[in-house]
Amino acid sequence: FLPGGAALASGVGEVLQPVDLPPVPLVLLNPGVEVSAAD
């Protein structure tokens, strides 16, 4: 989240390869469930 822009992430997420991604409209939907990332 520091440089901004889309990126292909590898390693544990810290190896970032910038990706030229056009604006893409989308819809987000959350059913009210909390999920632990560790789980």
PDB file of all heavy atoms in Angstrom:
ATOM      1  N   PHE A   1       0.798  -1.216   0.000  1.00  0.00           N
ATOM      2  CA  PHE A   1       0.000   0.000   0.000  1.00  0.00           C
ATOM      3  C   PHE A   1       0.838   1.278   0.000  1.00  0.00           C
ATOM      4  O   PHE A   1       0.284   2.367  -0.028  1.00  0.00           O
ATOM      5  CB  PHE A   1      -0.956   0.001   1.194  1.00  0.00           C
ATOM      6  CG  PHE A   1      -2.035  -1.042   1.111  1.00  0.00           C
ATOM      7  CD1 PHE A   1      -1.917  -2.246   1.795  1.00  0.00           C
ATOM      8  CD2 PHE A   1      -3.156  -0.825   0.338  1.00  0.00           C
ATOM      9  CE1 PHE A   1      -2.904  -3.215   1.714  1.00  0.00           C
ATOM     10  CE2 PHE A   1      -4.152  -1.787   0.256  1.00  0.00           C
ATOM     11  CZ  PHE A   1      -4.025  -2.980   0.935  1.00  0.00           C
ATOM     12  N   LEU A   2       2.146   1.162   0.015  1.00  0.00           N
ATOM     13  CA  LEU A   2       2.993   2.358  -0.001  1.00  0.00           C
ATOM     14  C   LEU A   2       3.094   2.997  -1.388  1.00  0.00           C
ATOM     15  O   LEU A   2       2.816   4.194  -1.522  1.00  0.00           O
ATOM     16  CB  LEU A   2       4.386   2.026   0.534  1.00  0.00           C
ATOM     17  CG  LEU A   2       4.480   1.687   2.029  1.00  0.00           C
ATOM     18  CD1 LEU A   2       5.894   1.258   2.368  1.00  0.00           C
ATOM     19  CD2 LEU A   2       4.068   2.887   2.882  1.00  0.00           C
ATOM     20  N   PRO A   3       3.484   2.267  -2.442  1.00  0.00           N
ATOM     21  CA  PRO A   3       3.663   2.928  -3.739  1.00  0.00           C
ATOM     22  C   PRO A   3       2.356   3.167  -4.480  1.00  0.00           C
ATOM     23  O   PRO A   3       2.265   4.072  -5.307  1.00  0.00           O
ATOM     24  CB  PRO A   3       4.559   1.950  -4.506  1.00  0.00           C
ATOM     25  CG  PRO A   3       4.237   0.620  -3.928  1.00  0.00           C
ATOM     26  CD  PRO A   3       3.955   0.867  -2.468  1.00  0.00           C
ATOM     27  N   GLY A   4       1.334   2.363  -4.221  1.00  0.00           N
ATOM     28  CA  GLY A   4       0.086   2.501  -4.959  1.00  0.00           C
ATOM     29  C   GLY A   4       0.140   1.749  -6.270  1.00  0.00           C
ATOM     30  O   GLY A   4       1.208   1.467  -6.807  1.00  0.00           O
ATOM     31  N   GLY A   5      -1.023   1.421  -6.798  1.00  0.00           N
ATOM     32  CA  GLY A   5      -1.093   0.714  -8.065  1.00  0.00           C
ATOM     33  C   GLY A   5      -1.121  -0.789  -7.880  1.00  0.00           C
ATOM     34  O   GLY A   5      -0.707  -1.333  -6.847  1.00  0.00           O
ATOM     35  N   ALA A   6      -1.629  -1.472  -8.904  1.00  0.00           N
ATOM     36  CA  ALA A   6      -1.700  -2.926  -8.865  1.00  0.00           C
ATOM     37  C   ALA A   6      -0.305  -3.530  -8.900  1.00  0.00           C
ATOM     38  O   ALA A   6       0.625  -2.953  -9.452  1.00  0.00           O
ATOM     39  CB  ALA A   6      -2.524  -3.444 -10.044  1.00  0.00           C
ATOM     40  N   ALA A   7      -0.179  -4.715  -8.306  1.00  0.00           N
ATOM     41  CA  ALA A   7       1.120  -5.384  -8.292  1.00  0.00           C
ATOM     42  C   ALA A   7       0.928  -6.885  -8.171  1.00  0.00           C
ATOM     43  O   ALA A   7      -0.012  -7.360  -7.518  1.00  0.00           O
ATOM     44  CB  ALA A   7       1.984  -4.877  -7.139  1.00  0.00           C
ATOM     45  N   LEU A   8       1.812  -7.619  -8.807  1.00  0.00           N
ATOM     46  CA  LEU A   8       1.891  -9.061  -8.608  1.00  0.00           C
ATOM     47  C   LEU A   8       2.799  -9.279  -7.409  1.00  0.00           C
ATOM     48  O   LEU A   8       3.966  -8.874  -7.418  1.00  0.00           O
ATOM     49  CB  LEU A   8       2.463  -9.732  -9.855  1.00  0.00           C
ATOM     50  CG  LEU A   8       2.466 -11.259  -9.857  1.00  0.00           C
ATOM     51  CD1 LEU A   8       1.039 -11.794  -9.908  1.00  0.00           C
ATOM     52  CD2 LEU A   8       3.278 -11.785 -11.033  1.00  0.00           C
ATOM     53  N   ALA A   9       2.253  -9.875  -6.369  1.00  0.00           N
ATOM     54  CA  ALA A   9       2.987 -10.036  -5.118  1.00  0.00           C
ATOM     55  C   ALA A   9       3.466 -11.477  -4.968  1.00  0.00           C
ATOM     56  O   ALA A   9       2.709 -12.428  -5.184  1.00  0.00           O
ATOM     57  CB  ALA A   9       2.109  -9.649  -3.931  1.00  0.00           C
ATOM     58  N   SER A  10       4.720 -11.622  -4.579  1.00  0.00           N
ATOM     59  CA  SER A  10       5.267 -12.936  -4.295  1.00  0.00           C
ATOM     60  C   SER A  10       6.046 -12.858  -2.986  1.00  0.00           C
ATOM     61  O   SER A  10       5.998 -11.850  -2.282  1.00  0.00           O
ATOM     62  CB  SER A  10       6.148 -13.415  -5.455  1.00  0.00           C
ATOM     63  OG  SER A  10       7.175 -12.477  -5.732  1.00  0.00           O
ATOM     64  N   GLY A  11       6.793 -13.927  -2.672  1.00  0.00           N
ATOM     65  CA  GLY A  11       7.383 -14.000  -1.344  1.00  0.00           C
ATOM     66  C   GLY A  11       6.264 -14.147  -0.331  1.00  0.00           C
ATOM     67  O   GLY A  11       5.317 -14.905  -0.546  1.00  0.00           O
ATOM     68  N   VAL A  12       6.337 -13.414   0.763  1.00  0.00           N
ATOM     69  CA  VAL A  12       5.224 -13.398   1.721  1.00  0.00           C
ATOM     70  C   VAL A  12       4.270 -12.244   1.407  1.00  0.00           C
ATOM     71  O   VAL A  12       3.359 -11.951   2.173  1.00  0.00           O
ATOM     72  CB  VAL A  12       5.725 -13.297   3.180  1.00  0.00           C
ATOM     73  CG1 VAL A  12       6.545 -14.518   3.549  1.00  0.00           C
ATOM     74  CG2 VAL A  12       6.515 -12.016   3.399  1.00  0.00           C
ATOM     75  N   GLY A  13       4.498 -11.608   0.249  1.00  0.00           N
ATOM     76  CA  GLY A  13       3.695 -10.472  -0.165  1.00  0.00           C
ATOM     77  C   GLY A  13       4.508  -9.211  -0.320  1.00  0.00           C
ATOM     78  O   GLY A  13       4.003  -8.180  -0.756  1.00  0.00           O
ATOM     79  N   GLU A  14       5.804  -9.301   0.033  1.00  0.00           N
ATOM     80  CA  GLU A  14       6.649  -8.108   0.039  1.00  0.00           C
ATOM     81  C   GLU A  14       7.393  -7.898  -1.279  1.00  0.00           C
ATOM     82  O   GLU A  14       7.923  -6.810  -1.528  1.00  0.00           O
ATOM     83  CB  GLU A  14       7.643  -8.176   1.214  1.00  0.00           C
ATOM     84  CG  GLU A  14       8.929  -8.929   0.938  1.00  0.00           C
ATOM     85  CD  GLU A  14       8.808 -10.440   0.871  1.00  0.00           C
ATOM     86  OE1 GLU A  14       7.670 -10.970   0.852  1.00  0.00           O
ATOM     87  OE2 GLU A  14       9.851 -11.111   0.830  1.00  0.00           O
ATOM     88  N   VAL A  15       7.452  -8.919  -2.141  1.00  0.00           N
ATOM     89  CA  VAL A  15       8.112  -8.794  -3.444  1.00  0.00           C
ATOM     90  C   VAL A  15       7.060  -8.360  -4.452  1.00  0.00           C
ATOM     91  O   VAL A  15       6.160  -9.135  -4.803  1.00  0.00           O
ATOM     92  CB  VAL A  15       8.773 -10.112  -3.870  1.00  0.00           C
ATOM     93  CG1 VAL A  15       9.475  -9.932  -5.220  1.00  0.00           C
ATOM     94  CG2 VAL A  15       9.760 -10.587  -2.811  1.00  0.00           C
ATOM     95  N   LEU A  16       7.145  -7.114  -4.910  1.00  0.00           N
ATOM     96  CA  LEU A  16       6.065  -6.506  -5.686  1.00  0.00           C
ATOM     97  C   LEU A  16       6.536  -6.169  -7.096  1.00  0.00           C
ATOM     98  O   LEU A  16       7.514  -5.457  -7.276  1.00  0.00           O
ATOM     99  CB  LEU A  16       5.569  -5.245  -4.983  1.00  0.00           C
ATOM    100  CG  LEU A  16       5.040  -5.447  -3.556  1.00  0.00           C
ATOM    101  CD1 LEU A  16       4.806  -4.101  -2.884  1.00  0.00           C
ATOM    102  CD2 LEU A  16       3.755  -6.264  -3.579  1.00  0.00           C
ATOM    103  N   GLN A  17       5.796  -6.680  -8.063  1.00  0.00           N
ATOM    104  CA  GLN A  17       6.055  -6.375  -9.469  1.00  0.00           C
ATOM    105  C   GLN A  17       4.884  -5.536  -9.982  1.00  0.00           C
ATOM    106  O   GLN A  17       3.766  -6.041 -10.088  1.00  0.00           O
ATOM    107  CB  GLN A  17       6.176  -7.655 -10.286  1.00  0.00           C
ATOM    108  CG  GLN A  17       6.281  -7.435 -11.785  1.00  0.00           C
ATOM    109  CD  GLN A  17       6.144  -8.739 -12.573  1.00  0.00           C
ATOM    110  OE1 GLN A  17       6.419  -9.821 -12.045  1.00  0.00           O
ATOM    111  NE2 GLN A  17       5.696  -8.630 -13.813  1.00  0.00           N
ATOM    112  N   PRO A  18       5.095  -4.247 -10.294  1.00  0.00           N
ATOM    113  CA  PRO A  18       3.984  -3.403 -10.763  1.00  0.00           C
ATOM    114  C   PRO A  18       3.295  -4.007 -11.984  1.00  0.00           C
ATOM    115  O   PRO A  18       3.934  -4.586 -12.864  1.00  0.00           O
ATOM    116  CB  PRO A  18       4.667  -2.079 -11.098  1.00  0.00           C
ATOM    117  CG  PRO A  18       5.913  -2.076 -10.281  1.00  0.00           C
ATOM    118  CD  PRO A  18       6.375  -3.505 -10.225  1.00  0.00           C
ATOM    119  N   VAL A  19       1.977  -3.870 -12.016  1.00  0.00           N
ATOM    120  CA  VAL A  19       1.161  -4.376 -13.117  1.00  0.00           C
ATOM    121  C   VAL A  19       0.324  -3.230 -13.667  1.00  0.00           C
ATOM    122  O   VAL A  19      -0.318  -2.501 -12.895  1.00  0.00           O
ATOM    123  CB  VAL A  19       0.237  -5.525 -12.645  1.00  0.00           C
ATOM    124  CG1 VAL A  19      -0.716  -5.948 -13.762  1.00  0.00           C
ATOM    125  CG2 VAL A  19       1.058  -6.715 -12.169  1.00  0.00           C
ATOM    126  N   ASP A  20       0.350  -3.049 -14.970  1.00  0.00           N
ATOM    127  CA  ASP A  20      -0.451  -2.008 -15.614  1.00  0.00           C
ATOM    128  C   ASP A  20      -1.872  -2.523 -15.779  1.00  0.00           C
ATOM    129  O   ASP A  20      -2.170  -3.290 -16.694  1.00  0.00           O
ATOM    130  CB  ASP A  20       0.156  -1.657 -16.970  1.00  0.00           C
ATOM    131  CG  ASP A  20      -0.566  -0.474 -17.626  1.00  0.00           C
ATOM    132  OD1 ASP A  20      -1.359   0.194 -16.933  1.00  0.00           O
ATOM    133  OD2 ASP A  20      -0.341  -0.241 -18.832  1.00  0.00           O
ATOM    134  N   LEU A  21      -2.733  -2.119 -14.867  1.00  0.00           N
ATOM    135  CA  LEU A  21      -4.110  -2.610 -14.844  1.00  0.00           C
ATOM    136  C   LEU A  21      -5.065  -1.456 -15.122  1.00  0.00           C
ATOM    137  O   LEU A  21      -5.006  -0.428 -14.444  1.00  0.00           O
ATOM    138  CB  LEU A  21      -4.421  -3.227 -13.472  1.00  0.00           C
ATOM    139  CG  LEU A  21      -5.736  -3.981 -13.328  1.00  0.00           C
ATOM    140  CD1 LEU A  21      -5.684  -5.292 -14.081  1.00  0.00           C
ATOM    141  CD2 LEU A  21      -6.029  -4.245 -11.852  1.00  0.00           C
ATOM    142  N   PRO A  22      -5.957  -1.590 -16.108  1.00  0.00           N
ATOM    143  CA  PRO A  22      -6.904  -0.508 -16.373  1.00  0.00           C
ATOM    144  C   PRO A  22      -7.949  -0.423 -15.273  1.00  0.00           C
ATOM    145  O   PRO A  22      -8.147  -1.387 -14.521  1.00  0.00           O
ATOM    146  CB  PRO A  22      -7.543  -0.940 -17.698  1.00  0.00           C
ATOM    147  CG  PRO A  22      -7.478  -2.434 -17.668  1.00  0.00           C
ATOM    148  CD  PRO A  22      -6.176  -2.759 -16.989  1.00  0.00           C
ATOM    149  N   PRO A  23      -8.637   0.720 -15.143  1.00  0.00           N
ATOM    150  CA  PRO A  23      -9.745   0.801 -14.176  1.00  0.00           C
ATOM    151  C   PRO A  23     -10.812  -0.243 -14.507  1.00  0.00           C
ATOM    152  O   PRO A  23     -11.235  -0.363 -15.657  1.00  0.00           O
ATOM    153  CB  PRO A  23     -10.274   2.221 -14.363  1.00  0.00           C
ATOM    154  CG  PRO A  23      -9.140   2.981 -14.959  1.00  0.00           C
ATOM    155  CD  PRO A  23      -8.412   2.002 -15.829  1.00  0.00           C
ATOM    156  N   VAL A  24     -11.206  -1.004 -13.513  1.00  0.00           N
ATOM    157  CA  VAL A  24     -12.196  -2.060 -13.698  1.00  0.00           C
ATOM    158  C   VAL A  24     -13.324  -1.847 -12.693  1.00  0.00           C
ATOM    159  O   VAL A  24     -13.095  -1.900 -11.488  1.00  0.00           O
ATOM    160  CB  VAL A  24     -11.580  -3.454 -13.483  1.00  0.00           C
ATOM    161  CG1 VAL A  24     -12.639  -4.540 -13.671  1.00  0.00           C
ATOM    162  CG2 VAL A  24     -10.401  -3.686 -14.432  1.00  0.00           C
ATOM    163  N   PRO A  25     -14.559  -1.594 -13.148  1.00  0.00           N
ATOM    164  CA  PRO A  25     -15.670  -1.441 -12.211  1.00  0.00           C
ATOM    165  C   PRO A  25     -16.046  -2.785 -11.596  1.00  0.00           C
ATOM    166  O   PRO A  25     -15.983  -3.834 -12.263  1.00  0.00           O
ATOM    167  CB  PRO A  25     -16.802  -0.884 -13.082  1.00  0.00           C
ATOM    168  CG  PRO A  25     -16.474  -1.326 -14.464  1.00  0.00           C
ATOM    169  CD  PRO A  25     -14.975  -1.387 -14.553  1.00  0.00           C
ATOM    170  N   LEU A  26     -16.430  -2.755 -10.338  1.00  0.00           N
ATOM    171  CA  LEU A  26     -16.775  -3.996  -9.647  1.00  0.00           C
ATOM    172  C   LEU A  26     -17.717  -3.696  -8.488  1.00  0.00           C
ATOM    173  O   LEU A  26     -17.956  -2.534  -8.140  1.00  0.00           O
ATOM    174  CB  LEU A  26     -15.506  -4.693  -9.148  1.00  0.00           C
ATOM    175  CG  LEU A  26     -14.508  -3.868  -8.318  1.00  0.00           C
ATOM    176  CD1 LEU A  26     -14.867  -3.874  -6.841  1.00  0.00           C
ATOM    177  CD2 LEU A  26     -13.092  -4.381  -8.515  1.00  0.00           C
ATOM    178  N   VAL A  27     -18.236  -4.761  -7.904  1.00  0.00           N
ATOM    179  CA  VAL A  27     -19.106  -4.654  -6.731  1.00  0.00           C
ATOM    180  C   VAL A  27     -18.544  -5.542  -5.631  1.00  0.00           C
ATOM    181  O   VAL A  27     -18.140  -6.685  -5.879  1.00  0.00           O
ATOM    182  CB  VAL A  27     -20.555  -5.066  -7.056  1.00  0.00           C
ATOM    183  CG1 VAL A  27     -21.413  -5.048  -5.788  1.00  0.00           C
ATOM    184  CG2 VAL A  27     -21.159  -4.147  -8.105  1.00  0.00           C
ATOM    185  N   LEU A  28     -18.493  -5.002  -4.422  1.00  0.00           N
ATOM    186  CA  LEU A  28     -18.029  -5.728  -3.239  1.00  0.00           C
ATOM    187  C   LEU A  28     -19.230  -6.085  -2.377  1.00  0.00           C
ATOM    188  O   LEU A  28     -20.130  -5.262  -2.183  1.00  0.00           O
ATOM    189  CB  LEU A  28     -17.067  -4.867  -2.434  1.00  0.00           C
ATOM    190  CG  LEU A  28     -15.801  -4.391  -3.155  1.00  0.00           C
ATOM    191  CD1 LEU A  28     -15.237  -3.157  -2.469  1.00  0.00           C
ATOM    192  CD2 LEU A  28     -14.770  -5.499  -3.203  1.00  0.00           C
ATOM    193  N   LEU A  29     -19.236  -7.306  -1.850  1.00  0.00           N
ATOM    194  CA  LEU A  29     -20.358  -7.759  -1.029  1.00  0.00           C
ATOM    195  C   LEU A  29     -19.814  -8.567   0.147  1.00  0.00           C
ATOM    196  O   LEU A  29     -19.056  -9.527  -0.040  1.00  0.00           O
ATOM    197  CB  LEU A  29     -21.302  -8.624  -1.869  1.00  0.00           C
ATOM    198  CG  LEU A  29     -22.601  -9.083  -1.211  1.00  0.00           C
ATOM    199  CD1 LEU A  29     -23.480  -7.893  -0.828  1.00  0.00           C
ATOM    200  CD2 LEU A  29     -23.374 -10.023  -2.145  1.00  0.00           C
ATOM    201  N   ASN A  30     -20.187  -8.143   1.353  1.00  0.00           N
ATOM    202  CA  ASN A  30     -19.740  -8.827   2.562  1.00  0.00           C
ATOM    203  C   ASN A  30     -20.968  -9.288   3.351  1.00  0.00           C
ATOM    204  O   ASN A  30     -21.811  -8.476   3.719  1.00  0.00           O
ATOM    205  CB  ASN A  30     -18.881  -7.891   3.419  1.00  0.00           C
ATOM    206  CG  ASN A  30     -18.310  -8.596   4.634  1.00  0.00           C
ATOM    207  OD1 ASN A  30     -19.033  -8.926   5.561  1.00  0.00           O
ATOM    208  ND2 ASN A  30     -17.013  -8.845   4.627  1.00  0.00           N
ATOM    209  N   PRO A  31     -21.064 -10.602   3.622  1.00  0.00           N
ATOM    210  CA  PRO A  31     -22.261 -11.140   4.285  1.00  0.00           C
ATOM    211  C   PRO A  31     -22.270 -11.013   5.799  1.00  0.00           C
ATOM    212  O   PRO A  31     -23.072 -11.673   6.472  1.00  0.00           O
ATOM    213  CB  PRO A  31     -22.241 -12.607   3.852  1.00  0.00           C
ATOM    214  CG  PRO A  31     -20.792 -12.929   3.739  1.00  0.00           C
ATOM    215  CD  PRO A  31     -20.135 -11.674   3.214  1.00  0.00           C
ATOM    216  N   GLY A  32     -21.379 -10.189   6.353  1.00  0.00           N
ATOM    217  CA  GLY A  32     -21.392  -9.975   7.795  1.00  0.00           C
ATOM    218  C   GLY A  32     -20.672 -11.047   8.579  1.00  0.00           C
ATOM    219  O   GLY A  32     -20.916 -11.218   9.779  1.00  0.00           O
ATOM    220  N   VAL A  33     -19.790 -11.772   7.931  1.00  0.00           N
ATOM    221  CA  VAL A  33     -19.004 -12.821   8.577  1.00  0.00           C
ATOM    222  C   VAL A  33     -17.570 -12.338   8.727  1.00  0.00           C
ATOM    223  O   VAL A  33     -16.985 -11.822   7.771  1.00  0.00           O
ATOM    224  CB  VAL A  33     -19.017 -14.117   7.741  1.00  0.00           C
ATOM    225  CG1 VAL A  33     -18.118 -15.174   8.366  1.00  0.00           C
ATOM    226  CG2 VAL A  33     -20.442 -14.642   7.597  1.00  0.00           C
ATOM    227  N   GLU A  34     -16.996 -12.469   9.918  1.00  0.00           N
ATOM    228  CA  GLU A  34     -15.592 -12.134  10.124  1.00  0.00           C
ATOM    229  C   GLU A  34     -14.758 -13.406  10.017  1.00  0.00           C
ATOM    230  O   GLU A  34     -15.078 -14.421  10.627  1.00  0.00           O
ATOM    231  CB  GLU A  34     -15.383 -11.474  11.490  1.00  0.00           C
ATOM    232  CG  GLU A  34     -16.024 -10.103  11.604  1.00  0.00           C
ATOM    233  CD  GLU A  34     -15.672  -9.399  12.905  1.00  0.00           C
ATOM    234  OE1 GLU A  34     -14.689  -9.809  13.569  1.00  0.00           O
ATOM    235  OE2 GLU A  34     -16.372  -8.442  13.263  1.00  0.00           O
ATOM    236  N   VAL A  35     -13.704 -13.345   9.226  1.00  0.00           N
ATOM    237  CA  VAL A  35     -12.834 -14.500   9.013  1.00  0.00           C
ATOM    238  C   VAL A  35     -11.426 -14.138   9.461  1.00  0.00           C
ATOM    239  O   VAL A  35     -10.843 -13.161   8.977  1.00  0.00           O
ATOM    240  CB  VAL A  35     -12.819 -14.943   7.537  1.00  0.00           C
ATOM    241  CG1 VAL A  35     -11.870 -16.126   7.348  1.00  0.00           C
ATOM    242  CG2 VAL A  35     -14.225 -15.314   7.071  1.00  0.00           C
ATOM    243  N   SER A  36     -10.875 -14.920  10.349  1.00  0.00           N
ATOM    244  CA  SER A  36      -9.494 -14.723  10.782  1.00  0.00           C
ATOM    245  C   SER A  36      -8.556 -15.184   9.671  1.00  0.00           C
ATOM    246  O   SER A  36      -8.663 -16.311   9.177  1.00  0.00           O
ATOM    247  CB  SER A  36      -9.227 -15.524  12.063  1.00  0.00           C
ATOM    248  OG  SER A  36      -7.840 -15.713  12.255  1.00  0.00           O
ATOM    249  N   ALA A  37      -7.627 -14.313   9.269  1.00  0.00           N
ATOM    250  CA  ALA A  37      -6.653 -14.688   8.250  1.00  0.00           C
ATOM    251  C   ALA A  37      -5.834 -15.891   8.708  1.00  0.00           C
ATOM    252  O   ALA A  37      -5.515 -16.782   7.910  1.00  0.00           O
ATOM    253  CB  ALA A  37      -5.753 -13.511   7.919  1.00  0.00           C
ATOM    254  N   ALA A  38      -5.504 -15.936   9.998  1.00  0.00           N
ATOM    255  CA  ALA A  38      -4.721 -17.067  10.519  1.00  0.00           C
ATOM    256  C   ALA A  38      -5.485 -18.368  10.330  1.00  0.00           C
ATOM    257  O   ALA A  38      -4.900 -19.402   9.952  1.00  0.00           O
ATOM    258  CB  ALA A  38      -4.394 -16.836  11.987  1.00  0.00           C
ATOM    259  N   ASP A  39      -6.799 -18.340  10.572  1.00  0.00           N
ATOM    260  CA  ASP A  39      -7.615 -19.540  10.370  1.00  0.00           C
ATOM    261  C   ASP A  39      -7.645 -19.931   8.899  1.00  0.00           C
ATOM    262  O   ASP A  39      -7.513 -21.110   8.554  1.00  0.00           O
ATOM    263  CB  ASP A  39      -9.039 -19.304  10.858  1.00  0.00           C
ATOM    264  CG  ASP A  39      -9.170 -19.356  12.371  1.00  0.00           C
ATOM    265  OD1 ASP A  39      -8.243 -19.893  13.032  1.00  0.00           O
ATOM    266  OD2 ASP A  39     -10.180 -18.856  12.897  1.00  0.00           O
TER     267      ASP A  39
END
